[in-house]
């Protein structure tokens, strides 16, 4: 068994990077490997070691995304970002209405479908900024809009998943508020009573709190994303009080930690795909979704930047295309839709095809690739 795990580590760390030279995004390679392994070895997705490695990957990635937030930059651009969020909310409402009207889905399932189609994968978008030929202003807006969209998506995800009853939503909200208050207290407590006597343990503290917060939000039914992101964001807020906690060195350490474990998340996600998702109808529907939704998303974003930011057509298009990938949110929400709302195998498979298409699009258009590690800390 040890040799099998060692072989898996070597394959996941080497093969995706080798294939990047052919413009194949590394996350898609890891996902496809998991898909093939899940077919060859039924039940592989339930392996406890693989599950742990995948959890470390997704948690550390969203921990890093939270650490990357620059509040001062957000304050300077708050009105334009607010306009962006209003546009995103209207788009989400439109997709949810269409899903209810034409697919017969509940408002909860329709909202989650909208999130799956519209929410950018911030971790991988940030990863490409230094490689996409964007100028400094364009990089700022890509990062700001990706993070803002992610925050909106996490809030909507929490409300939708907990909306079974008023009591459930109220209790879950209280639990989340308690965690919002408890995470900074936990950081401060360790900062006072542990860090002075254990120099260099800031990285361990970050990862530990990130995992605890991720586990707690998973128990609330909103997956690991919310808690890990919250832990990273909280550490960023405490940067003046605890400068070593979210230091540049720690950001680099979290980036390297995530780069090792993130491939296991995509591999594990691929190994969970049920056989009934492999249908020609799912492929056709996924390609149709990609042909309709991706141009609409890019076109709306392009037009918004032309009108609100008064940018050139080329600059607006570069920003819009870079914001296209939705891989992580589509995978997560497709799983929730399948488990909680029993969407058909055809729609489940179609969402996976859409996730592949949206993630591959910038690589195809720009000749770049998404790596498996987050962007270098700035």
Protein backbone atom coordinates (compact mmCIF):
# COMPACT_ATOMS: atom_id res chain seq x y z
CA UNK A 1 0.00 0.00 0.00
CA UNK A 2 2.86 2.39 0.81
CA UNK A 3 4.28 1.89 -2.68
CA UNK A 4 0.90 2.70 -4.22
CA UNK A 5 0.67 5.98 -2.32
CA UNK A 6 4.24 6.84 -3.26
CA UNK A 7 3.49 6.14 -6.91
CA UNK A 8 0.38 8.33 -6.68
CA UNK A 9 2.41 11.22 -5.22
CA UNK A 10 5.00 10.96 -7.99
CA UNK A 11 2.39 10.81 -10.75
CA UNK A 12 0.33 13.73 -9.42
CA UNK A 13 3.34 15.95 -8.86
CA UNK A 14 5.03 15.24 -12.19
CA UNK A 15 2.59 14.29 -14.94
CA UNK A 16 0.30 17.37 -14.77
CA UNK A 17 3.31 19.66 -15.03
CA UNK A 18 4.76 17.71 -17.95
CA UNK A 19 1.47 18.05 -19.84
CA UNK A 20 1.30 21.80 -19.26
CA UNK A 21 3.61 22.24 -22.25
CA UNK A 22 0.67 21.10 -24.39
CA UNK A 23 -1.60 23.78 -22.88
CA UNK A 24 -3.46 21.24 -20.74
CA UNK A 25 -4.32 22.84 -17.36
CA UNK A 26 -2.74 20.83 -14.56
CA UNK A 27 -5.93 20.60 -12.43
CA UNK A 28 -7.74 18.97 -15.34
CA UNK A 29 -4.97 16.39 -15.69
CA UNK A 30 -5.20 15.50 -11.99
CA UNK A 31 -8.99 15.29 -12.23
CA UNK A 32 -8.81 13.04 -15.29
CA UNK A 33 -6.32 10.75 -13.54
CA UNK A 34 -8.74 10.45 -10.63
CA UNK A 35 -11.57 9.74 -13.05
CA UNK A 36 -9.62 6.88 -14.63
CA UNK A 37 -8.51 5.53 -11.25
CA UNK A 38 -12.08 5.62 -9.92
CA UNK A 39 -13.28 3.54 -12.87
CA UNK A 40 -10.41 1.06 -12.53
CA UNK A 41 -10.69 0.79 -8.72
CA UNK A 42 -14.31 1.13 -7.56
CA UNK A 43 -14.60 2.69 -4.12
CA UNK A 44 -11.27 4.50 -4.38
CA UNK A 45 -12.94 7.81 -3.55
CA UNK A 46 -13.83 6.50 -0.09
CA UNK A 47 -10.18 5.88 0.85
CA UNK A 48 -9.55 7.73 4.13
CA UNK A 49 -5.95 8.69 3.33
CA UNK A 50 -6.95 10.15 -0.03
CA UNK A 51 -9.81 12.05 1.63
CA UNK A 52 -7.43 13.55 4.19
CA UNK A 53 -4.95 14.65 1.50
CA UNK A 54 -7.78 16.18 -0.55
CA UNK A 55 -9.06 18.06 2.51
CA UNK A 56 -5.60 19.48 3.17
CA UNK A 57 -5.45 20.60 -0.45
CA UNK A 58 -8.78 22.43 -0.70
CA UNK A 59 -8.46 23.93 2.80
CA UNK A 60 -4.96 25.29 2.24
CA UNK A 61 -5.95 26.71 -1.15
CA UNK A 62 -8.84 28.72 0.30
CA UNK A 63 -6.74 29.64 3.33
CA UNK A 64 -4.29 31.19 0.88
CA UNK A 65 -7.12 32.97 -0.98
CA UNK A 66 -8.21 34.60 2.28
CA UNK A 67 -4.65 35.65 3.09
CA UNK A 68 -4.35 37.33 -0.33
CA UNK A 69 -7.06 39.94 0.32
CA UNK A 70 -5.81 43.54 0.31
CA UNK A 71 -8.44 45.52 2.23
CA UNK A 72 -7.01 48.95 1.42
CA UNK A 73 -7.15 48.23 -2.30
CA UNK A 74 -10.73 47.05 -1.91
CA UNK A 75 -11.68 50.26 -0.15
CA UNK A 76 -10.28 52.36 -2.98
CA UNK A 77 -12.28 50.43 -5.56
CA UNK A 78 -15.40 49.83 -3.45
CA UNK A 79 -17.95 51.55 -5.71
CA UNK A 80 -16.85 49.81 -8.89
CA UNK A 81 -16.69 46.50 -7.04
CA UNK A 82 -20.18 47.15 -5.68
CA UNK A 83 -21.41 47.65 -9.26
CA UNK A 84 -19.70 44.39 -10.21
CA UNK A 85 -21.41 42.54 -7.36
CA UNK A 86 -24.81 43.97 -8.30
CA UNK A 87 -24.28 42.74 -11.85
CA UNK A 88 -23.20 39.33 -10.53
CA UNK A 89 -26.25 39.13 -8.25
CA UNK A 90 -28.59 40.01 -11.14
CA UNK A 91 -26.94 37.37 -13.34
CA UNK A 92 -27.31 34.79 -10.58
CA UNK A 93 -30.96 35.69 -10.10
CA UNK A 94 -31.53 35.37 -13.85
CA UNK A 95 -29.98 31.90 -14.01
CA UNK A 96 -31.90 30.76 -10.91
CA UNK A 97 -35.19 32.00 -12.41
CA UNK A 98 -34.47 30.26 -15.73
CA UNK A 99 -33.67 27.01 -13.91
CA UNK A 100 -36.94 27.20 -11.97
CA UNK A 101 -38.98 28.18 -15.03
CA UNK A 102 -37.59 25.80 -17.63
CA UNK A 103 -36.02 22.95 -15.62
CA UNK A 104 -38.54 22.72 -12.80
CA UNK A 105 -35.88 23.09 -10.09
CA UNK A 106 -36.53 24.53 -6.64
CA UNK A 107 -35.19 28.01 -5.94
CA UNK A 108 -32.41 26.47 -3.84
CA UNK A 109 -31.27 24.12 -6.62
CA UNK A 110 -31.62 26.90 -9.20
CA UNK A 111 -29.46 29.24 -7.12
CA UNK A 112 -26.77 26.59 -6.69
CA UNK A 113 -26.84 25.90 -10.42
CA UNK A 114 -26.32 29.61 -11.02
CA UNK A 115 -23.36 29.64 -8.64
CA UNK A 116 -21.90 26.60 -10.38
CA UNK A 117 -22.05 28.33 -13.76
CA UNK A 118 -21.05 31.86 -12.76
CA UNK A 119 -18.59 31.73 -9.84
CA UNK A 120 -14.91 32.10 -10.81
CA UNK A 121 -12.29 29.86 -9.17
CA UNK A 122 -10.31 32.53 -7.39
CA UNK A 123 -7.33 30.39 -6.39
CA UNK A 124 -6.53 29.42 -9.96
CA UNK A 125 -7.32 32.83 -11.37
CA UNK A 126 -4.84 34.40 -8.96
CA UNK A 127 -2.36 31.75 -10.02
CA UNK A 128 -2.35 32.96 -13.63
CA UNK A 129 -1.95 36.69 -13.10
CA UNK A 130 1.80 36.76 -13.56
CA UNK A 131 1.56 34.70 -16.75
CA UNK A 132 -1.37 36.21 -18.63
CA UNK A 133 0.28 39.29 -20.10
CA UNK A 134 -1.86 41.64 -17.99
CA UNK A 135 -0.65 45.04 -16.86
CA UNK A 136 -0.70 46.06 -13.19
CA UNK A 137 -4.14 47.68 -13.37
CA UNK A 138 -5.67 44.66 -15.12
CA UNK A 139 -4.14 42.27 -12.58
CA UNK A 140 -5.63 44.31 -9.75
CA UNK A 141 -9.13 44.20 -11.20
CA UNK A 142 -8.97 40.50 -12.00
CA UNK A 143 -7.91 39.71 -8.41
CA UNK A 144 -10.40 42.13 -6.85
CA UNK A 145 -13.38 40.91 -8.88
CA UNK A 146 -12.49 37.25 -8.38
CA UNK A 147 -12.23 37.65 -4.61
CA UNK A 148 -15.39 39.80 -4.39
CA UNK A 149 -17.31 37.28 -6.47
CA UNK A 150 -16.05 34.45 -4.29
CA UNK A 151 -17.20 36.18 -1.11
CA UNK A 152 -20.66 36.76 -2.59
CA UNK A 153 -20.82 33.11 -3.70
CA UNK A 154 -19.85 31.82 -0.25
CA UNK A 155 -22.54 33.93 1.41
CA UNK A 156 -25.20 32.77 -1.06
CA UNK A 157 -24.07 29.16 -0.69
CA UNK A 158 -24.42 29.35 3.09
CA UNK A 159 -27.91 30.89 2.96
CA UNK A 160 -29.20 28.49 0.30
CA UNK A 161 -27.90 25.33 1.93
CA UNK A 162 -29.30 26.33 5.34
CA UNK A 163 -32.66 27.58 4.07
CA UNK A 164 -34.63 24.41 4.79
CA UNK A 165 -36.39 26.22 7.62
CA UNK A 166 -36.17 29.52 9.47
CA UNK A 167 -34.96 27.72 12.59
CA UNK A 168 -32.21 25.90 10.70
CA UNK A 169 -31.01 29.10 9.05
CA UNK A 170 -31.08 30.98 12.35
CA UNK A 171 -29.14 28.31 14.23
CA UNK A 172 -26.59 27.94 11.44
CA UNK A 173 -26.16 31.72 11.27
CA UNK A 174 -25.56 31.87 15.02
CA UNK A 175 -23.01 29.07 14.72
CA UNK A 176 -21.25 30.89 11.89
CA UNK A 177 -21.24 34.18 13.80
CA UNK A 178 -19.78 32.37 16.80
CA UNK A 179 -17.04 31.02 14.56
CA UNK A 180 -16.40 34.48 13.07
CA UNK A 181 -15.86 35.75 16.62
CA UNK A 182 -13.99 32.66 17.76
CA UNK A 183 -11.37 32.41 15.00
CA UNK A 184 -9.63 35.74 15.82
CA UNK A 185 -9.81 34.91 19.52
CA UNK A 186 -8.14 31.58 18.81
CA UNK A 187 -5.38 33.31 16.85
CA UNK A 188 -4.86 35.87 19.62
CA UNK A 189 -4.90 33.21 22.35
CA UNK A 190 -2.19 31.19 20.62
CA UNK A 191 -0.32 34.37 19.80
CA UNK A 192 -0.09 35.26 23.47
CA UNK A 193 0.46 31.90 25.09
CA UNK A 194 2.15 29.71 22.48
CA UNK A 195 4.01 31.71 19.82
CA UNK A 196 6.35 33.53 22.26
CA UNK A 197 7.61 30.13 23.43
CA UNK A 198 7.60 28.43 20.03
CA UNK A 199 9.25 30.76 17.50
CA UNK A 200 8.55 29.87 13.89
CA UNK A 201 5.26 28.10 14.62
CA UNK A 202 3.11 30.74 12.92
CA UNK A 203 2.72 28.61 9.80
CA UNK A 204 1.55 25.61 11.85
CA UNK A 205 -0.95 27.84 13.66
CA UNK A 206 -2.34 29.14 10.35
CA UNK A 207 -2.83 25.69 8.88
CA UNK A 208 -4.28 24.28 12.10
CA UNK A 209 -6.86 27.04 12.51
CA UNK A 210 -7.68 26.85 8.80
CA UNK A 211 -8.39 23.13 9.07
CA UNK A 212 -10.49 23.54 12.22
CA UNK A 213 -12.56 26.32 10.64
CA UNK A 214 -12.93 24.30 7.42
CA UNK A 215 -14.14 21.25 9.35
CA UNK A 216 -16.68 23.32 11.30
CA UNK A 217 -18.24 24.83 8.19
CA UNK A 218 -18.29 21.38 6.58
CA UNK A 219 -20.42 20.27 9.53
CA UNK A 220 -22.71 23.23 8.82
CA UNK A 221 -23.25 21.85 5.34
CA UNK A 222 -21.38 24.51 3.35
CA UNK A 223 -18.26 22.51 2.62
CA UNK A 224 -14.68 23.38 3.60
CA UNK A 225 -14.44 26.53 1.50
CA UNK A 226 -16.12 29.00 3.86
CA UNK A 227 -14.16 28.13 6.98
CA UNK A 228 -10.73 28.01 5.35
CA UNK A 229 -11.33 31.31 3.56
CA UNK A 230 -12.55 32.90 6.81
CA UNK A 231 -9.42 31.76 8.66
CA UNK A 232 -7.14 33.25 6.00
CA UNK A 233 -9.10 36.50 5.88
CA UNK A 234 -9.04 36.79 9.68
CA UNK A 235 -5.28 36.26 9.76
CA UNK A 236 -4.94 39.04 7.19
CA UNK A 237 -7.01 41.38 9.39
CA UNK A 238 -4.72 40.61 12.33
CA UNK A 239 -1.58 41.41 10.35
CA UNK A 240 -0.84 44.63 12.25
CA UNK A 241 -1.47 43.03 15.65
CA UNK A 242 0.32 39.77 14.78
CA UNK A 243 2.66 40.68 11.91
CA UNK A 244 4.33 37.28 11.68
CA UNK A 245 1.02 35.45 11.26
CA UNK A 246 0.27 36.73 7.75
CA UNK A 247 3.81 37.70 6.82
CA UNK A 248 5.16 37.31 3.31
CA UNK A 249 7.16 34.30 4.47
CA UNK A 250 4.02 32.64 5.78
CA UNK A 251 2.15 33.38 2.56
CA UNK A 252 4.91 31.68 0.61
CA UNK A 253 4.82 28.73 3.01
CA UNK A 254 1.04 28.34 2.62
CA UNK A 255 1.44 28.59 -1.16
CA UNK A 256 4.00 25.78 -1.19
CA UNK A 257 1.90 23.69 1.19
CA UNK A 258 -1.14 24.09 -1.08
CA UNK A 259 0.86 23.33 -4.22
CA UNK A 260 1.71 19.90 -2.82
CA UNK A 261 -1.77 18.91 -1.63
CA UNK A 262 -4.11 20.56 -4.18
CA UNK A 263 -3.52 17.83 -6.84
CA UNK A 264 -4.96 15.27 -4.41
CA UNK A 265 -8.18 17.29 -4.19
CA UNK A 266 -8.70 17.15 -7.95
CA UNK A 267 -7.68 13.50 -8.09
CA UNK A 268 -10.14 12.65 -5.31
CA UNK A 269 -12.89 14.69 -6.99
CA UNK A 270 -12.40 12.72 -10.20
CA UNK A 271 -12.49 9.39 -8.37
CA UNK A 272 -15.94 10.22 -6.95
CA UNK A 273 -17.66 10.63 -10.33
CA UNK A 274 -20.43 8.00 -10.69
CA UNK A 275 -20.51 5.87 -13.88
CA UNK A 276 -23.97 7.17 -14.81
CA UNK A 277 -22.48 10.64 -15.40
CA UNK A 278 -20.70 9.31 -18.50
CA UNK A 279 -23.37 9.88 -21.12
CA UNK A 280 -23.34 11.33 -24.60
CA UNK A 281 -26.29 13.48 -23.56
CA UNK A 282 -24.22 14.93 -20.70
CA UNK A 283 -21.36 15.72 -23.08
CA UNK A 284 -23.71 17.40 -25.56
CA UNK A 285 -25.47 19.40 -22.84
CA UNK A 286 -22.16 20.44 -21.27
CA UNK A 287 -20.81 21.66 -24.59
CA UNK A 288 -24.07 23.52 -25.24
CA UNK A 289 -23.86 25.17 -21.80
CA UNK A 290 -20.27 26.16 -22.51
CA UNK A 291 -21.18 27.57 -25.95
CA UNK A 292 -23.96 29.71 -24.46
CA UNK A 293 -22.89 30.63 -20.92
CA UNK A 294 -19.17 31.32 -21.42
CA UNK A 295 -19.64 33.88 -24.25
CA UNK A 296 -22.44 35.53 -22.24
CA UNK A 297 -20.28 35.76 -19.11
CA UNK A 298 -17.33 37.14 -21.02
CA UNK A 299 -19.50 39.49 -23.07
CA UNK A 300 -21.31 40.94 -20.04
CA UNK A 301 -18.03 41.44 -18.19
CA UNK A 302 -16.48 43.02 -21.29
CA UNK A 303 -19.39 45.42 -21.74
CA UNK A 304 -19.41 46.31 -18.03
CA UNK A 305 -15.74 47.25 -18.12
CA UNK A 306 -16.15 49.22 -21.33
CA UNK A 307 -19.00 51.28 -19.82
CA UNK A 308 -18.01 51.57 -16.14
CA UNK A 309 -14.19 51.49 -16.38
CA UNK A 310 -13.98 53.05 -19.84
CA UNK A 311 -11.21 50.63 -20.79
CA UNK A 312 -10.11 49.68 -24.27
CA UNK A 313 -11.77 46.73 -25.95
CA UNK A 314 -8.60 44.63 -25.71
CA UNK A 315 -8.02 45.31 -22.02
CA UNK A 316 -11.65 44.59 -21.17
CA UNK A 317 -11.51 41.30 -23.06
CA UNK A 318 -8.30 40.19 -21.33
CA UNK A 319 -9.84 40.78 -17.90
CA UNK A 320 -13.10 39.05 -18.85
CA UNK A 321 -11.40 35.95 -20.26
CA UNK A 322 -9.11 35.63 -17.25
CA UNK A 323 -12.18 35.57 -14.98
CA UNK A 324 -13.77 32.66 -16.89
CA UNK A 325 -12.54 29.53 -14.99
CA UNK A 326 -15.07 28.04 -12.54
CA UNK A 327 -13.50 24.65 -11.83
CA UNK A 328 -13.61 24.39 -8.02
CA UNK A 329 -17.02 25.92 -7.45
CA UNK A 330 -18.56 23.93 -10.28
CA UNK A 331 -17.16 20.67 -8.88
CA UNK A 332 -18.29 21.44 -5.34
CA UNK A 333 -21.76 22.66 -6.28
CA UNK A 334 -22.35 19.85 -8.77
CA UNK A 335 -21.70 17.43 -5.90
CA UNK A 336 -24.09 19.29 -3.57
CA UNK A 337 -26.79 19.39 -6.27
CA UNK A 338 -26.40 15.65 -6.82
CA UNK A 339 -26.41 14.72 -3.13
CA UNK A 340 -29.03 17.12 -1.77
CA UNK A 341 -31.26 18.00 -4.69
CA UNK A 342 -31.01 14.84 -6.81
CA UNK A 343 -30.25 16.50 -10.15
CA UNK A 344 -30.12 14.06 -13.04
CA UNK A 345 -26.93 12.28 -14.01
CA UNK A 346 -27.09 14.12 -17.34
CA UNK A 347 -26.99 17.55 -15.69
CA UNK A 348 -24.30 16.41 -13.27
CA UNK A 349 -22.09 15.25 -16.12
CA UNK A 350 -22.88 18.43 -18.10
CA UNK A 351 -21.63 20.59 -15.24
CA UNK A 352 -18.35 18.65 -15.20
CA UNK A 353 -17.95 19.26 -18.94
CA UNK A 354 -18.66 22.96 -18.39
CA UNK A 355 -16.07 23.08 -15.59
CA UNK A 356 -13.47 21.61 -17.95
CA UNK A 357 -14.36 24.04 -20.75
CA UNK A 358 -14.33 27.17 -18.58
CA UNK A 359 -10.99 26.24 -17.02
CA UNK A 360 -9.34 25.37 -20.33
CA UNK A 361 -10.59 28.48 -22.16
CA UNK A 362 -7.92 31.00 -21.03
CA UNK A 363 -5.17 28.45 -21.68
CA UNK A 364 -6.44 27.84 -25.20
CA UNK A 365 -6.94 31.52 -26.01
CA UNK A 366 -3.75 32.80 -24.43
CA UNK A 367 -1.44 29.83 -24.72
CA UNK A 368 -1.03 29.73 -20.95
CA UNK A 369 -1.91 27.10 -18.37
CA UNK A 370 -3.26 26.95 -14.86
CA UNK A 371 -0.79 25.47 -12.48
CA UNK A 372 -1.69 23.56 -9.36
CA UNK A 373 -0.10 26.01 -6.93
CA UNK A 374 -1.50 29.41 -5.91
CA UNK A 375 0.10 32.61 -7.12
CA UNK A 376 3.39 33.68 -5.53
CA UNK A 377 2.89 35.86 -2.49
CA UNK A 378 3.33 39.51 -3.22
